[in-house]
């Protein structure tokens, strides 16, 4: 019977780089907020964009210029799922839902996951993917 990891908590630096007025230190994101931001960053980072780790990220940016259909939605779902499984060891992925929004020429993405080692309910991240050009 495998043992489950028990975490002491997670902490990441906020990308806003704002200063905490009490400690004069950078504001930190903790636990569920830190992991939620990490999941979003993995999806929005293109492969080759991170120095010294060219495999990090996902290839969703190249799929956003494909035809708006269910096949592209399925490809986006698979790309997002594999990226999160490969690069975020703190979560157990439950589901990725990608729905095409034909009128807005965008995709609505919902990612559900469970944080490993934390006694928290399943978490969910939602965002819109849309080509920018």
C-alpha atoms as a PDB file:
ATOM      1  CA  UNK A   1       0.000   0.000   0.000  1.00  0.00           C
ATOM      2  CA  UNK A   2       1.695   3.253  -1.157  1.00  0.00           C
ATOM      3  CA  UNK A   3       2.026   6.110   1.270  1.00  0.00           C
ATOM      4  CA  UNK A   4       0.461   9.442   0.357  1.00  0.00           C
ATOM      5  CA  UNK A   5       2.595  12.548   0.663  1.00  0.00           C
ATOM      6  CA  UNK A   6       1.578  14.979   3.355  1.00  0.00           C
ATOM      7  CA  UNK A   7       2.470  18.531   2.466  1.00  0.00           C
ATOM      8  CA  UNK A   8       3.539  21.257   4.820  1.00  0.00           C
ATOM      9  CA  UNK A   9       2.125  23.924   2.494  1.00  0.00           C
ATOM     10  CA  UNK A  10       3.056  25.522  -0.789  1.00  0.00           C
ATOM     11  CA  UNK A  11       4.407  28.994  -1.406  1.00  0.00           C
ATOM     12  CA  UNK A  12       5.196  30.802  -4.666  1.00  0.00           C
ATOM     13  CA  UNK A  13       6.194  34.377  -5.473  1.00  0.00           C
ATOM     14  CA  UNK A  14       3.439  36.580  -6.876  1.00  0.00           C
ATOM     15  CA  UNK A  15       4.097  37.612 -10.472  1.00  0.00           C
ATOM     16  CA  UNK A  16       2.991  41.177  -9.659  1.00  0.00           C
ATOM     17  CA  UNK A  17       6.226  41.618  -7.632  1.00  0.00           C
ATOM     18  CA  UNK A  18       4.435  43.889  -5.187  1.00  0.00           C
ATOM     19  CA  UNK A  19       6.017  44.581  -1.793  1.00  0.00           C
ATOM     20  CA  UNK A  20       4.340  43.641   1.474  1.00  0.00           C
ATOM     21  CA  UNK A  21       4.156  46.947   3.405  1.00  0.00           C
ATOM     22  CA  UNK A  22       4.703  45.232   6.773  1.00  0.00           C
ATOM     23  CA  UNK A  23       7.697  43.060   5.949  1.00  0.00           C
ATOM     24  CA  UNK A  24       9.167  44.833   2.880  1.00  0.00           C
ATOM     25  CA  UNK A  25       9.312  41.408   1.249  1.00  0.00           C
ATOM     26  CA  UNK A  26       7.658  40.220  -1.961  1.00  0.00           C
ATOM     27  CA  UNK A  27       4.034  39.155  -1.607  1.00  0.00           C
ATOM     28  CA  UNK A  28       3.763  35.382  -1.666  1.00  0.00           C
ATOM     29  CA  UNK A  29       0.956  33.182  -2.914  1.00  0.00           C
ATOM     30  CA  UNK A  30       0.230  30.216  -0.686  1.00  0.00           C
ATOM     31  CA  UNK A  31      -1.323  26.773  -0.996  1.00  0.00           C
ATOM     32  CA  UNK A  32      -4.332  26.575  -3.359  1.00  0.00           C
ATOM     33  CA  UNK A  33      -3.728  30.049  -4.823  1.00  0.00           C
ATOM     34  CA  UNK A  34      -0.088  29.229  -5.618  1.00  0.00           C
ATOM     35  CA  UNK A  35      -1.007  25.979  -7.334  1.00  0.00           C
ATOM     36  CA  UNK A  36      -3.853  27.594  -9.276  1.00  0.00           C
ATOM     37  CA  UNK A  37      -1.444  30.234 -10.603  1.00  0.00           C
ATOM     38  CA  UNK A  38       1.089  27.522 -11.462  1.00  0.00           C
ATOM     39  CA  UNK A  39      -1.488  25.551 -13.467  1.00  0.00           C
ATOM     40  CA  UNK A  40      -2.423  28.675 -15.430  1.00  0.00           C
ATOM     41  CA  UNK A  41       1.244  29.505 -16.047  1.00  0.00           C
ATOM     42  CA  UNK A  42       1.934  26.019 -17.407  1.00  0.00           C
ATOM     43  CA  UNK A  43      -0.948  26.304 -19.873  1.00  0.00           C
ATOM     44  CA  UNK A  44      -0.046  29.840 -21.013  1.00  0.00           C
ATOM     45  CA  UNK A  45       3.716  29.209 -21.341  1.00  0.00           C
ATOM     46  CA  UNK A  46       4.787  28.137 -24.823  1.00  0.00           C
ATOM     47  CA  UNK A  47       7.292  25.337 -25.245  1.00  0.00           C
ATOM     48  CA  UNK A  48      10.785  26.755 -25.613  1.00  0.00           C
ATOM     49  CA  UNK A  49       9.880  29.956 -23.780  1.00  0.00           C
ATOM     50  CA  UNK A  50      11.503  28.943 -20.481  1.00  0.00           C
ATOM     51  CA  UNK A  51      15.291  29.118 -20.489  1.00  0.00           C
ATOM     52  CA  UNK A  52      17.192  25.884 -19.828  1.00  0.00           C
ATOM     53  CA  UNK A  53      13.965  23.851 -19.969  1.00  0.00           C
ATOM     54  CA  UNK A  54      12.717  23.927 -23.566  1.00  0.00           C
ATOM     55  CA  UNK A  55      10.123  21.177 -22.995  1.00  0.00           C
ATOM     56  CA  UNK A  56       8.306  23.124 -20.243  1.00  0.00           C
ATOM     57  CA  UNK A  57       4.870  24.528 -21.077  1.00  0.00           C
ATOM     58  CA  UNK A  58       2.175  23.567 -23.522  1.00  0.00           C
ATOM     59  CA  UNK A  59       1.471  23.861 -27.209  1.00  0.00           C
ATOM     60  CA  UNK A  60      -1.956  25.450 -26.915  1.00  0.00           C
ATOM     61  CA  UNK A  61      -0.835  28.625 -28.702  1.00  0.00           C
ATOM     62  CA  UNK A  62      -0.314  26.748 -31.972  1.00  0.00           C
ATOM     63  CA  UNK A  63      -3.760  25.113 -31.692  1.00  0.00           C
ATOM     64  CA  UNK A  64      -5.648  28.388 -31.237  1.00  0.00           C
ATOM     65  CA  UNK A  65      -5.273  29.229 -34.932  1.00  0.00           C
ATOM     66  CA  UNK A  66      -6.809  25.948 -36.110  1.00  0.00           C
ATOM     67  CA  UNK A  67     -10.431  25.584 -37.215  1.00  0.00           C
ATOM     68  CA  UNK A  68     -12.969  26.144 -34.441  1.00  0.00           C
ATOM     69  CA  UNK A  69     -14.436  22.661 -33.999  1.00  0.00           C
ATOM     70  CA  UNK A  70     -14.699  19.709 -31.616  1.00  0.00           C
ATOM     71  CA  UNK A  71     -11.492  18.141 -32.973  1.00  0.00           C
ATOM     72  CA  UNK A  72      -9.470  21.223 -32.037  1.00  0.00           C
ATOM     73  CA  UNK A  73     -11.185  21.287 -28.619  1.00  0.00           C
ATOM     74  CA  UNK A  74     -10.158  17.650 -28.064  1.00  0.00           C
ATOM     75  CA  UNK A  75      -6.571  18.419 -29.113  1.00  0.00           C
ATOM     76  CA  UNK A  76      -6.472  21.373 -26.709  1.00  0.00           C
ATOM     77  CA  UNK A  77      -7.840  19.182 -23.914  1.00  0.00           C
ATOM     78  CA  UNK A  78      -5.163  16.535 -24.499  1.00  0.00           C
ATOM     79  CA  UNK A  79      -2.382  19.148 -24.700  1.00  0.00           C
ATOM     80  CA  UNK A  80      -3.460  20.849 -21.467  1.00  0.00           C
ATOM     81  CA  UNK A  81      -3.856  17.542 -19.622  1.00  0.00           C
ATOM     82  CA  UNK A  82      -0.446  16.213 -20.651  1.00  0.00           C
ATOM     83  CA  UNK A  83       1.262  19.504 -19.742  1.00  0.00           C
ATOM     84  CA  UNK A  84      -0.243  19.577 -16.262  1.00  0.00           C
ATOM     85  CA  UNK A  85       0.529  15.912 -15.607  1.00  0.00           C
ATOM     86  CA  UNK A  86       4.137  16.399 -16.749  1.00  0.00           C
ATOM     87  CA  UNK A  87       4.964  19.709 -15.052  1.00  0.00           C
ATOM     88  CA  UNK A  88       2.817  20.058 -11.910  1.00  0.00           C
ATOM     89  CA  UNK A  89       3.626  17.226  -9.489  1.00  0.00           C
ATOM     90  CA  UNK A  90       1.617  18.835  -6.658  1.00  0.00           C
ATOM     91  CA  UNK A  91      -1.740  17.992  -8.273  1.00  0.00           C
ATOM     92  CA  UNK A  92      -3.693  14.959  -9.350  1.00  0.00           C
ATOM     93  CA  UNK A  93      -5.603  15.925 -12.483  1.00  0.00           C
ATOM     94  CA  UNK A  94      -9.286  15.025 -12.386  1.00  0.00           C
ATOM     95  CA  UNK A  95     -10.708  16.529 -15.572  1.00  0.00           C
ATOM     96  CA  UNK A  96     -10.089  19.035 -18.361  1.00  0.00           C
ATOM     97  CA  UNK A  97     -13.115  20.401 -20.212  1.00  0.00           C
ATOM     98  CA  UNK A  98     -12.678  22.512 -23.348  1.00  0.00           C
ATOM     99  CA  UNK A  99     -15.828  23.981 -24.889  1.00  0.00           C
ATOM    100  CA  UNK A 100     -15.711  25.942 -28.156  1.00  0.00           C
ATOM    101  CA  UNK A 101     -17.407  29.355 -28.038  1.00  0.00           C
ATOM    102  CA  UNK A 102     -18.184  29.786 -31.717  1.00  0.00           C
ATOM    103  CA  UNK A 103     -19.568  33.333 -31.503  1.00  0.00           C
ATOM    104  CA  UNK A 104     -16.505  34.635 -29.625  1.00  0.00           C
ATOM    105  CA  UNK A 105     -13.967  32.537 -31.598  1.00  0.00           C
ATOM    106  CA  UNK A 106     -12.570  31.232 -28.295  1.00  0.00           C
ATOM    107  CA  UNK A 107     -12.483  28.168 -26.049  1.00  0.00           C
ATOM    108  CA  UNK A 108     -13.787  28.011 -22.492  1.00  0.00           C
ATOM    109  CA  UNK A 109     -11.412  25.841 -20.412  1.00  0.00           C
ATOM    110  CA  UNK A 110     -12.189  24.272 -17.029  1.00  0.00           C
ATOM    111  CA  UNK A 111      -9.462  22.309 -15.231  1.00  0.00           C
ATOM    112  CA  UNK A 112     -10.348  20.245 -12.157  1.00  0.00           C
ATOM    113  CA  UNK A 113      -7.655  18.812  -9.898  1.00  0.00           C
ATOM    114  CA  UNK A 114      -6.976  17.585  -6.390  1.00  0.00           C
ATOM    115  CA  UNK A 115      -3.979  18.926  -4.475  1.00  0.00           C
ATOM    116  CA  UNK A 116      -1.780  16.030  -3.378  1.00  0.00           C
ATOM    117  CA  UNK A 117      -1.090  15.909   0.338  1.00  0.00           C
ATOM    118  CA  UNK A 118      -3.544  18.656   1.280  1.00  0.00           C
ATOM    119  CA  UNK A 119      -6.868  18.084   2.957  1.00  0.00           C
ATOM    120  CA  UNK A 120      -8.743  20.349   0.559  1.00  0.00           C
ATOM    121  CA  UNK A 121     -11.717  19.706  -1.726  1.00  0.00           C
ATOM    122  CA  UNK A 122     -11.153  19.420  -5.458  1.00  0.00           C
ATOM    123  CA  UNK A 123     -10.018  22.712  -6.998  1.00  0.00           C
ATOM    124  CA  UNK A 124     -11.096  24.227 -10.293  1.00  0.00           C
ATOM    125  CA  UNK A 125      -9.491  26.763 -12.629  1.00  0.00           C
ATOM    126  CA  UNK A 126     -11.464  28.389 -15.448  1.00  0.00           C
ATOM    127  CA  UNK A 127     -10.281  30.683 -18.226  1.00  0.00           C
ATOM    128  CA  UNK A 128     -10.857  31.591 -21.864  1.00  0.00           C
ATOM    129  CA  UNK A 129      -8.362  30.698 -24.601  1.00  0.00           C
ATOM    130  CA  UNK A 130      -8.473  32.953 -27.623  1.00  0.00           C
ATOM    131  CA  UNK A 131      -6.104  33.753 -30.454  1.00  0.00           C
ATOM    132  CA  UNK A 132      -4.611  37.212 -30.097  1.00  0.00           C
ATOM    133  CA  UNK A 133      -3.853  38.053 -33.722  1.00  0.00           C
END
